[in-house]
Amino acid sequence: MKLYVKYVLLCTTFFISLLPLAGCWDANEPERMVYIQGLGVDYKDGEFVVYLQMLNPGLIAKSEATSGVQQSTVVVGRGSGKTVNEAAFDVYRSSQRR
């Protein structure tokens, strides 16, 4: 009987300790992200140059609320590298958002 009580107590403690871990700790809200709308790749001086046209959805909602003020909702990022992947990650590293 003592073994059964220890087992129940251990299982209860285990499941109660899991409750704080269950959640959306790494959830990304759409307002904190940018979306790639256009992509351009050039090859210049032995390196690839990648241009990414990014759309920030957070600025779109704000531009509808403001009257008469025009905000740029599109940003162009530029990165260079020896490969296309390296150039794209250069843009990703310099970006302030995911």
PDB file of N, CA and C in Angstrom:
ATOM      1  N   MET A   1       0.821  -1.197   0.000  1.00  0.00           N
ATOM      2  CA  MET A   1       0.000   0.000   0.000  1.00  0.00           C
ATOM      3  C   MET A   1       0.862   1.257   0.000  1.00  0.00           C
ATOM      4  N   LYS A   2       1.992   1.229   0.729  1.00  0.00           N
ATOM      5  CA  LYS A   2       2.869   2.391   0.771  1.00  0.00           C
ATOM      6  C   LYS A   2       3.473   2.665  -0.600  1.00  0.00           C
ATOM      7  N   LEU A   3       3.741   1.626  -1.367  1.00  0.00           N
ATOM      8  CA  LEU A   3       4.291   1.796  -2.708  1.00  0.00           C
ATOM      9  C   LEU A   3       3.287   2.495  -3.622  1.00  0.00           C
ATOM     10  N   TYR A   4       2.022   2.151  -3.485  1.00  0.00           N
ATOM     11  CA  TYR A   4       0.969   2.785  -4.289  1.00  0.00           C
ATOM     12  C   TYR A   4       0.842   4.273  -3.952  1.00  0.00           C
ATOM     13  N   VAL A   5       0.916   4.631  -2.691  1.00  0.00           N
ATOM     14  CA  VAL A   5       0.813   6.033  -2.267  1.00  0.00           C
ATOM     15  C   VAL A   5       2.012   6.826  -2.780  1.00  0.00           C
ATOM     16  N   LYS A   6       3.201   6.244  -2.707  1.00  0.00           N
ATOM     17  CA  LYS A   6       4.396   6.921  -3.231  1.00  0.00           C
ATOM     18  C   LYS A   6       4.290   7.123  -4.742  1.00  0.00           C
ATOM     19  N   TYR A   7       3.774   6.112  -5.434  1.00  0.00           N
ATOM     20  CA  TYR A   7       3.617   6.206  -6.886  1.00  0.00           C
ATOM     21  C   TYR A   7       2.621   7.303  -7.265  1.00  0.00           C
ATOM     22  N   VAL A   8       1.507   7.369  -6.596  1.00  0.00           N
ATOM     23  CA  VAL A   8       0.486   8.393  -6.869  1.00  0.00           C
ATOM     24  C   VAL A   8       1.039   9.773  -6.545  1.00  0.00           C
ATOM     25  N   LEU A   9       1.738   9.889  -5.422  1.00  0.00           N
ATOM     26  CA  LEU A   9       2.314  11.170  -5.035  1.00  0.00           C
ATOM     27  C   LEU A   9       3.375  11.621  -6.037  1.00  0.00           C
ATOM     28  N   LEU A  10       4.196  10.697  -6.501  1.00  0.00           N
ATOM     29  CA  LEU A  10       5.224  11.021  -7.491  1.00  0.00           C
ATOM     30  C   LEU A  10       4.597  11.450  -8.817  1.00  0.00           C
ATOM     31  N   CYS A  11       3.592  10.734  -9.270  1.00  0.00           N
ATOM     32  CA  CYS A  11       2.923  11.087 -10.528  1.00  0.00           C
ATOM     33  C   CYS A  11       2.211  12.436 -10.420  1.00  0.00           C
ATOM     34  N   THR A  12       1.567  12.687  -9.300  1.00  0.00           N
ATOM     35  CA  THR A  12       0.878  13.959  -9.090  1.00  0.00           C
ATOM     36  C   THR A  12       1.870  15.110  -9.091  1.00  0.00           C
ATOM     37  N   THR A  13       2.985  14.942  -8.399  1.00  0.00           N
ATOM     38  CA  THR A  13       4.017  15.983  -8.370  1.00  0.00           C
ATOM     39  C   THR A  13       4.588  16.229  -9.761  1.00  0.00           C
ATOM     40  N   PHE A  14       4.789  15.149 -10.504  1.00  0.00           N
ATOM     41  CA  PHE A  14       5.330  15.275 -11.860  1.00  0.00           C
ATOM     42  C   PHE A  14       4.380  16.070 -12.763  1.00  0.00           C
ATOM     43  N   PHE A  15       3.111  15.741 -12.741  1.00  0.00           N
ATOM     44  CA  PHE A  15       2.157  16.427 -13.618  1.00  0.00           C
ATOM     45  C   PHE A  15       1.894  17.868 -13.182  1.00  0.00           C
ATOM     46  N   ILE A  16       1.936  18.143 -11.897  1.00  0.00           N
ATOM     47  CA  ILE A  16       1.782  19.519 -11.433  1.00  0.00           C
ATOM     48  C   ILE A  16       2.988  20.357 -11.827  1.00  0.00           C
ATOM     49  N   SER A  17       4.178  19.746 -11.818  1.00  0.00           N
ATOM     50  CA  SER A  17       5.374  20.492 -12.236  1.00  0.00           C
ATOM     51  C   SER A  17       5.393  20.747 -13.739  1.00  0.00           C
ATOM     52  N   LEU A  18       4.644  19.976 -14.516  1.00  0.00           N
ATOM     53  CA  LEU A  18       4.578  20.192 -15.965  1.00  0.00           C
ATOM     54  C   LEU A  18       3.657  21.340 -16.349  1.00  0.00           C
ATOM     55  N   LEU A  19       2.727  21.704 -15.505  1.00  0.00           N
ATOM     56  CA  LEU A  19       1.759  22.753 -15.837  1.00  0.00           C
ATOM     57  C   LEU A  19       2.423  24.087 -16.186  1.00  0.00           C
ATOM     58  N   PRO A  20       3.424  24.577 -15.450  1.00  0.00           N
ATOM     59  CA  PRO A  20       4.029  25.856 -15.849  1.00  0.00           C
ATOM     60  C   PRO A  20       4.811  25.771 -17.164  1.00  0.00           C
ATOM     61  N   LEU A  21       5.208  24.561 -17.548  1.00  0.00           N
ATOM     62  CA  LEU A  21       5.975  24.420 -18.780  1.00  0.00           C
ATOM     63  C   LEU A  21       5.096  24.416 -20.017  1.00  0.00           C
ATOM     64  N   ALA A  22       3.842  24.074 -19.862  1.00  0.00           N
ATOM     65  CA  ALA A  22       2.935  24.038 -21.008  1.00  0.00           C
ATOM     66  C   ALA A  22       2.444  25.452 -21.296  1.00  0.00           C
ATOM     67  N   GLY A  23       2.766  25.943 -22.446  1.00  0.00           N
ATOM     68  CA  GLY A  23       2.337  27.288 -22.815  1.00  0.00           C
ATOM     69  C   GLY A  23       2.968  27.704 -24.121  1.00  0.00           C
ATOM     70  N   CYS A  24       2.723  28.920 -24.492  1.00  0.00           N
ATOM     71  CA  CYS A  24       3.231  29.455 -25.752  1.00  0.00           C
ATOM     72  C   CYS A  24       4.417  30.369 -25.471  1.00  0.00           C
ATOM     73  N   TRP A  25       5.480  29.809 -24.969  1.00  0.00           N
ATOM     74  CA  TRP A  25       6.636  30.619 -24.597  1.00  0.00           C
ATOM     75  C   TRP A  25       7.344  31.181 -25.826  1.00  0.00           C
ATOM     76  N   ASP A  26       7.371  30.451 -26.907  1.00  0.00           N
ATOM     77  CA  ASP A  26       8.089  30.915 -28.087  1.00  0.00           C
ATOM     78  C   ASP A  26       7.148  31.281 -29.236  1.00  0.00           C
ATOM     79  N   ALA A  27       5.953  31.672 -28.913  1.00  0.00           N
ATOM     80  CA  ALA A  27       4.992  32.056 -29.944  1.00  0.00           C
ATOM     81  C   ALA A  27       5.399  33.394 -30.556  1.00  0.00           C
ATOM     82  N   ASN A  28       5.220  33.504 -31.846  1.00  0.00           N
ATOM     83  CA  ASN A  28       5.548  34.732 -32.573  1.00  0.00           C
ATOM     84  C   ASN A  28       4.261  35.398 -33.031  1.00  0.00           C
ATOM     85  N   GLU A  29       4.025  36.589 -32.549  1.00  0.00           N
ATOM     86  CA  GLU A  29       2.860  37.318 -32.988  1.00  0.00           C
ATOM     87  C   GLU A  29       3.118  37.875 -34.389  1.00  0.00           C
ATOM     88  N   PRO A  30       2.093  37.942 -35.214  1.00  0.00           N
ATOM     89  CA  PRO A  30       2.284  38.460 -36.570  1.00  0.00           C
ATOM     90  C   PRO A  30       2.776  39.903 -36.604  1.00  0.00           C
ATOM     91  N   GLU A  31       2.478  40.680 -35.562  1.00  0.00           N
ATOM     92  CA  GLU A  31       2.919  42.071 -35.546  1.00  0.00           C
ATOM     93  C   GLU A  31       4.429  42.189 -35.358  1.00  0.00           C
ATOM     94  N   ARG A  32       5.035  41.164 -34.805  1.00  0.00           N
ATOM     95  CA  ARG A  32       6.480  41.201 -34.555  1.00  0.00           C
ATOM     96  C   ARG A  32       7.289  40.546 -35.658  1.00  0.00           C
ATOM     97  N   MET A  33       6.638  40.159 -36.732  1.00  0.00           N
ATOM     98  CA  MET A  33       7.332  39.485 -37.817  1.00  0.00           C
ATOM     99  C   MET A  33       7.228  40.310 -39.094  1.00  0.00           C
ATOM    100  N   VAL A  34       8.160  40.102 -39.993  1.00  0.00           N
ATOM    101  CA  VAL A  34       8.087  40.684 -41.328  1.00  0.00           C
ATOM    102  C   VAL A  34       7.978  39.543 -42.327  1.00  0.00           C
ATOM    103  N   TYR A  35       7.349  39.812 -43.438  1.00  0.00           N
ATOM    104  CA  TYR A  35       7.133  38.799 -44.450  1.00  0.00           C
ATOM    105  C   TYR A  35       7.815  39.215 -45.739  1.00  0.00           C
ATOM    106  N   ILE A  36       8.483  38.263 -46.375  1.00  0.00           N
ATOM    107  CA  ILE A  36       9.180  38.518 -47.626  1.00  0.00           C
ATOM    108  C   ILE A  36       8.150  38.571 -48.745  1.00  0.00           C
ATOM    109  N   GLN A  37       8.150  39.705 -49.456  1.00  0.00           N
ATOM    110  CA  GLN A  37       7.205  39.896 -50.540  1.00  0.00           C
ATOM    111  C   GLN A  37       7.900  39.774 -51.896  1.00  0.00           C
ATOM    112  N   GLY A  38       9.171  40.141 -51.956  1.00  0.00           N
ATOM    113  CA  GLY A  38       9.910  40.070 -53.203  1.00  0.00           C
ATOM    114  C   GLY A  38      11.347  39.670 -52.955  1.00  0.00           C
ATOM    115  N   LEU A  39      11.965  39.062 -53.955  1.00  0.00           N
ATOM    116  CA  LEU A  39      13.336  38.588 -53.841  1.00  0.00           C
ATOM    117  C   LEU A  39      14.081  38.914 -55.127  1.00  0.00           C
ATOM    118  N   GLY A  40      15.265  39.477 -54.979  1.00  0.00           N
ATOM    119  CA  GLY A  40      16.118  39.754 -56.128  1.00  0.00           C
ATOM    120  C   GLY A  40      17.525  39.271 -55.848  1.00  0.00           C
ATOM    121  N   VAL A  41      18.160  38.636 -56.836  1.00  0.00           N
ATOM    122  CA  VAL A  41      19.515  38.102 -56.681  1.00  0.00           C
ATOM    123  C   VAL A  41      20.380  38.645 -57.810  1.00  0.00           C
ATOM    124  N   ASP A  42      21.519  39.221 -57.445  1.00  0.00           N
ATOM    125  CA  ASP A  42      22.505  39.702 -58.410  1.00  0.00           C
ATOM    126  C   ASP A  42      23.835  39.028 -58.128  1.00  0.00           C
ATOM    127  N   TYR A  43      24.677  38.959 -59.165  1.00  0.00           N
ATOM    128  CA  TYR A  43      26.035  38.459 -59.013  1.00  0.00           C
ATOM    129  C   TYR A  43      26.971  39.577 -59.436  1.00  0.00           C
ATOM    130  N   LYS A  44      27.717  40.137 -58.485  1.00  0.00           N
ATOM    131  CA  LYS A  44      28.551  41.292 -58.767  1.00  0.00           C
ATOM    132  C   LYS A  44      29.884  41.147 -58.040  1.00  0.00           C
ATOM    133  N   ASP A  45      30.977  41.307 -58.742  1.00  0.00           N
ATOM    134  CA  ASP A  45      32.333  41.262 -58.195  1.00  0.00           C
ATOM    135  C   ASP A  45      32.610  39.968 -57.442  1.00  0.00           C
ATOM    136  N   GLY A  46      32.140  38.846 -57.967  1.00  0.00           N
ATOM    137  CA  GLY A  46      32.415  37.550 -57.356  1.00  0.00           C
ATOM    138  C   GLY A  46      31.575  37.229 -56.136  1.00  0.00           C
ATOM    139  N   GLU A  47      30.574  38.016 -55.845  1.00  0.00           N
ATOM    140  CA  GLU A  47      29.699  37.778 -54.706  1.00  0.00           C
ATOM    141  C   GLU A  47      28.239  37.872 -55.138  1.00  0.00           C
ATOM    142  N   PHE A  48      27.411  37.131 -54.448  1.00  0.00           N
ATOM    143  CA  PHE A  48      25.977  37.234 -54.664  1.00  0.00           C
ATOM    144  C   PHE A  48      25.429  38.354 -53.797  1.00  0.00           C
ATOM    145  N   VAL A  49      24.535  39.134 -54.364  1.00  0.00           N
ATOM    146  CA  VAL A  49      23.853  40.201 -53.636  1.00  0.00           C
ATOM    147  C   VAL A  49      22.364  39.879 -53.666  1.00  0.00           C
ATOM    148  N   VAL A  50      21.769  39.779 -52.480  1.00  0.00           N
ATOM    149  CA  VAL A  50      20.353  39.436 -52.357  1.00  0.00           C
ATOM    150  C   VAL A  50      19.604  40.655 -51.847  1.00  0.00           C
ATOM    151  N   TYR A  51      18.513  40.982 -52.519  1.00  0.00           N
ATOM    152  CA  TYR A  51      17.617  42.059 -52.099  1.00  0.00           C
ATOM    153  C   TYR A  51      16.300  41.416 -51.697  1.00  0.00           C
ATOM    154  N   LEU A  52      15.849  41.702 -50.493  1.00  0.00           N
ATOM    155  CA  LEU A  52      14.587  41.171 -50.003  1.00  0.00           C
ATOM    156  C   LEU A  52      13.631  42.322 -49.723  1.00  0.00           C
ATOM    157  N   GLN A  53      12.472  42.275 -50.330  1.00  0.00           N
ATOM    158  CA  GLN A  53      11.439  43.270 -50.076  1.00  0.00           C
ATOM    159  C   GLN A  53      10.543  42.715 -48.979  1.00  0.00           C
ATOM    160  N   MET A  54      10.532  43.392 -47.825  1.00  0.00           N
ATOM    161  CA  MET A  54       9.826  42.882 -46.660  1.00  0.00           C
ATOM    162  C   MET A  54       8.596  43.732 -46.364  1.00  0.00           C
ATOM    163  N   LEU A  55       7.539  43.077 -45.983  1.00  0.00           N
ATOM    164  CA  LEU A  55       6.283  43.725 -45.632  1.00  0.00           C
ATOM    165  C   LEU A  55       6.081  43.589 -44.134  1.00  0.00           C
ATOM    166  N   ASN A  56       5.821  44.700 -43.465  1.00  0.00           N
ATOM    167  CA  ASN A  56       5.562  44.696 -42.030  1.00  0.00           C
ATOM    168  C   ASN A  56       4.070  44.885 -41.812  1.00  0.00           C
ATOM    169  N   PRO A  57       3.335  43.836 -41.411  1.00  0.00           N
ATOM    170  CA  PRO A  57       1.882  43.978 -41.259  1.00  0.00           C
ATOM    171  C   PRO A  57       1.483  44.909 -40.123  1.00  0.00           C
ATOM    172  N   GLY A  58       2.356  45.146 -39.164  1.00  0.00           N
ATOM    173  CA  GLY A  58       2.033  46.056 -38.072  1.00  0.00           C
ATOM    174  C   GLY A  58       1.875  47.486 -38.549  1.00  0.00           C
ATOM    175  N   LEU A  59       2.619  47.870 -39.574  1.00  0.00           N
ATOM    176  CA  LEU A  59       2.511  49.228 -40.098  1.00  0.00           C
ATOM    177  C   LEU A  59       1.268  49.428 -40.963  1.00  0.00           C
ATOM    178  N   ILE A  60       0.748  48.350 -41.531  1.00  0.00           N
ATOM    179  CA  ILE A  60      -0.451  48.469 -42.354  1.00  0.00           C
ATOM    180  C   ILE A  60      -1.646  48.869 -41.497  1.00  0.00           C
ATOM    181  N   ALA A  61      -1.797  48.245 -40.361  1.00  0.00           N
ATOM    182  CA  ALA A  61      -2.913  48.570 -39.473  1.00  0.00           C
ATOM    183  C   ALA A  61      -2.780  49.983 -38.932  1.00  0.00           C
ATOM    184  N   LYS A  62      -1.569  50.413 -38.650  1.00  0.00           N
ATOM    185  CA  LYS A  62      -1.367  51.757 -38.131  1.00  0.00           C
ATOM    186  C   LYS A  62      -1.622  52.804 -39.207  1.00  0.00           C
ATOM    187  N   SER A  63      -1.315  52.482 -40.466  1.00  0.00           N
ATOM    188  CA  SER A  63      -1.509  53.471 -41.519  1.00  0.00           C
ATOM    189  C   SER A  63      -2.992  53.726 -41.784  1.00  0.00           C
ATOM    190  N   GLU A  64      -3.845  52.744 -41.526  1.00  0.00           N
ATOM    191  CA  GLU A  64      -5.276  52.959 -41.709  1.00  0.00           C
ATOM    192  C   GLU A  64      -5.835  53.846 -40.603  1.00  0.00           C
ATOM    193  N   ALA A  65      -5.242  53.782 -39.429  1.00  0.00           N
ATOM    194  CA  ALA A  65      -5.746  54.552 -38.295  1.00  0.00           C
ATOM    195  C   ALA A  65      -5.326  56.018 -38.371  1.00  0.00           C
ATOM    196  N   THR A  66      -4.177  56.299 -38.974  1.00  0.00           N
ATOM    197  CA  THR A  66      -3.708  57.680 -39.060  1.00  0.00           C
ATOM    198  C   THR A  66      -4.331  58.347 -40.268  1.00  0.00           C
ATOM    199  N   SER A  67      -4.610  59.629 -40.143  1.00  0.00           N
ATOM    200  CA  SER A  67      -5.235  60.344 -41.255  1.00  0.00           C
ATOM    201  C   SER A  67      -4.242  61.324 -41.858  1.00  0.00           C
ATOM    202  N   GLY A  68      -3.996  61.180 -43.143  1.00  0.00           N
ATOM    203  CA  GLY A  68      -3.147  62.122 -43.854  1.00  0.00           C
ATOM    204  C   GLY A  68      -1.655  61.841 -43.761  1.00  0.00           C
ATOM    205  N   VAL A  69      -1.224  60.939 -42.897  1.00  0.00           N
ATOM    206  CA  VAL A  69       0.195  60.639 -42.753  1.00  0.00           C
ATOM    207  C   VAL A  69       0.489  59.344 -43.493  1.00  0.00           C
ATOM    208  N   GLN A  70       1.427  59.402 -44.433  1.00  0.00           N
ATOM    209  CA  GLN A  70       1.808  58.228 -45.201  1.00  0.00           C
ATOM    210  C   GLN A  70       3.040  57.583 -44.570  1.00  0.00           C
ATOM    211  N   GLN A  71       2.947  56.316 -44.242  1.00  0.00           N
ATOM    212  CA  GLN A  71       4.077  55.574 -43.720  1.00  0.00           C
ATOM    213  C   GLN A  71       4.481  54.526 -44.738  1.00  0.00           C
ATOM    214  N   SER A  72       5.765  54.266 -44.807  1.00  0.00           N
ATOM    215  CA  SER A  72       6.248  53.228 -45.696  1.00  0.00           C
ATOM    216  C   SER A  72       6.040  51.874 -45.039  1.00  0.00           C
ATOM    217  N   THR A  73       5.266  51.003 -45.682  1.00  0.00           N
ATOM    218  CA  THR A  73       5.012  49.679 -45.127  1.00  0.00           C
ATOM    219  C   THR A  73       5.954  48.636 -45.709  1.00  0.00           C
ATOM    220  N   VAL A  74       6.769  49.010 -46.686  1.00  0.00           N
ATOM    221  CA  VAL A  74       7.680  48.075 -47.330  1.00  0.00           C
ATOM    222  C   VAL A  74       9.109  48.529 -47.088  1.00  0.00           C
ATOM    223  N   VAL A  75       9.953  47.563 -46.707  1.00  0.00           N
ATOM    224  CA  VAL A  75      11.363  47.831 -46.458  1.00  0.00           C
ATOM    225  C   VAL A  75      12.178  46.881 -47.329  1.00  0.00           C
ATOM    226  N   VAL A  76      13.269  47.377 -47.909  1.00  0.00           N
ATOM    227  CA  VAL A  76      14.138  46.546 -48.730  1.00  0.00           C
ATOM    228  C   VAL A  76      15.434  46.310 -47.977  1.00  0.00           C
ATOM    229  N   GLY A  77      15.776  45.042 -47.805  1.00  0.00           N
ATOM    230  CA  GLY A  77      17.021  44.670 -47.145  1.00  0.00           C
ATOM    231  C   GLY A  77      18.013  44.166 -48.171  1.00  0.00           C
ATOM    232  N   ARG A  78      19.298  44.407 -47.922  1.00  0.00           N
ATOM    233  CA  ARG A  78      20.354  44.009 -48.854  1.00  0.00           C
ATOM    234  C   ARG A  78      21.409  43.225 -48.102  1.00  0.00           C
ATOM    235  N   GLY A  79      21.829  42.098 -48.668  1.00  0.00           N
ATOM    236  CA  GLY A  79      22.885  41.293 -48.075  1.00  0.00           C
ATOM    237  C   GLY A  79      23.773  40.715 -49.154  1.00  0.00           C
ATOM    238  N   SER A  80      25.031  40.491 -48.827  1.00  0.00           N
ATOM    239  CA  SER A  80      25.968  39.940 -49.811  1.00  0.00           C
ATOM    240  C   SER A  80      26.749  38.801 -49.179  1.00  0.00           C
ATOM    241  N   GLY A  81      27.179  37.872 -50.032  1.00  0.00           N
ATOM    242  CA  GLY A  81      27.944  36.729 -49.570  1.00  0.00           C
ATOM    243  C   GLY A  81      28.450  35.915 -50.739  1.00  0.00           C
ATOM    244  N   LYS A  82      29.254  34.907 -50.440  1.00  0.00           N
ATOM    245  CA  LYS A  82      29.835  34.075 -51.497  1.00  0.00           C
ATOM    246  C   LYS A  82      28.819  33.116 -52.099  1.00  0.00           C
ATOM    247  N   THR A  83      27.775  32.788 -51.342  1.00  0.00           N
ATOM    248  CA  THR A  83      26.684  31.964 -51.855  1.00  0.00           C
ATOM    249  C   THR A  83      25.367  32.714 -51.646  1.00  0.00           C
ATOM    250  N   VAL A  84      24.325  32.218 -52.295  1.00  0.00           N
ATOM    251  CA  VAL A  84      23.012  32.853 -52.159  1.00  0.00           C
ATOM    252  C   VAL A  84      22.504  32.703 -50.727  1.00  0.00           C
ATOM    253  N   ASN A  85      22.726  31.526 -50.117  1.00  0.00           N
ATOM    254  CA  ASN A  85      22.293  31.320 -48.732  1.00  0.00           C
ATOM    255  C   ASN A  85      23.023  32.256 -47.779  1.00  0.00           C
ATOM    256  N   GLU A  86      24.307  32.417 -47.982  1.00  0.00           N
ATOM    257  CA  GLU A  86      25.086  33.306 -47.119  1.00  0.00           C
ATOM    258  C   GLU A  86      24.608  34.749 -47.249  1.00  0.00           C
ATOM    259  N   ALA A  87      24.260  35.163 -48.447  1.00  0.00           N
ATOM    260  CA  ALA A  87      23.758  36.518 -48.657  1.00  0.00           C
ATOM    261  C   ALA A  87      22.380  36.696 -48.014  1.00  0.00           C
ATOM    262  N   ALA A  88      21.514  35.678 -48.104  1.00  0.00           N
ATOM    263  CA  ALA A  88      20.191  35.769 -47.490  1.00  0.00           C
ATOM    264  C   ALA A  88      20.302  35.811 -45.971  1.00  0.00           C
ATOM    265  N   PHE A  89      21.210  35.033 -45.392  1.00  0.00           N
ATOM    266  CA  PHE A  89      21.392  35.061 -43.940  1.00  0.00           C
ATOM    267  C   PHE A  89      22.053  36.348 -43.481  1.00  0.00           C
ATOM    268  N   ASP A  90      22.781  37.007 -44.374  1.00  0.00           N
ATOM    269  CA  ASP A  90      23.332  38.328 -44.031  1.00  0.00           C
ATOM    270  C   ASP A  90      22.200  39.329 -43.830  1.00  0.00           C
ATOM    271  N   VAL A  91      21.170  39.245 -44.649  1.00  0.00           N
ATOM    272  CA  VAL A  91      19.995  40.104 -44.467  1.00  0.00           C
ATOM    273  C   VAL A  91      19.276  39.719 -43.178  1.00  0.00           C
ATOM    274  N   TYR A  92      19.162  38.427 -42.917  1.00  0.00           N
ATOM    275  CA  TYR A  92      18.460  37.950 -41.720  1.00  0.00           C
ATOM    276  C   TYR A  92      19.171  38.395 -40.447  1.00  0.00           C
ATOM    277  N   ARG A  93      20.501  38.345 -40.433  1.00  0.00           N
ATOM    278  CA  ARG A  93      21.250  38.763 -39.259  1.00  0.00           C
ATOM    279  C   ARG A  93      21.101  40.257 -38.981  1.00  0.00           C
ATOM    280  N   SER A  94      20.997  41.062 -40.022  1.00  0.00           N
ATOM    281  CA  SER A  94      20.899  42.504 -39.838  1.00  0.00           C
ATOM    282  C   SER A  94      19.476  42.976 -39.569  1.00  0.00           C
ATOM    283  N   SER A  95      18.499  42.089 -39.736  1.00  0.00           N
ATOM    284  CA  SER A  95      17.113  42.457 -39.500  1.00  0.00           C
ATOM    285  C   SER A  95      16.823  42.523 -38.005  1.00  0.00           C
ATOM    286  N   GLN A  96      15.959  43.448 -37.608  1.00  0.00           N
ATOM    287  CA  GLN A  96      15.593  43.577 -36.215  1.00  0.00           C
ATOM    288  C   GLN A  96      14.451  42.668 -35.821  1.00  0.00           C
ATOM    289  N   ARG A  97      13.771  42.115 -36.796  1.00  0.00           N
ATOM    290  CA  ARG A  97      12.635  41.228 -36.542  1.00  0.00           C
ATOM    291  C   ARG A  97      12.865  39.917 -37.240  1.00  0.00           C
ATOM    292  N   ARG A  98      12.081  38.931 -36.877  1.00  0.00           N
ATOM    293  CA  ARG A  98      12.201  37.623 -37.504  1.00  0.00           C
ATOM    294  C   ARG A  98      11.545  37.628 -38.867  1.00  0.00           C
TER     295      ARG A  98
END
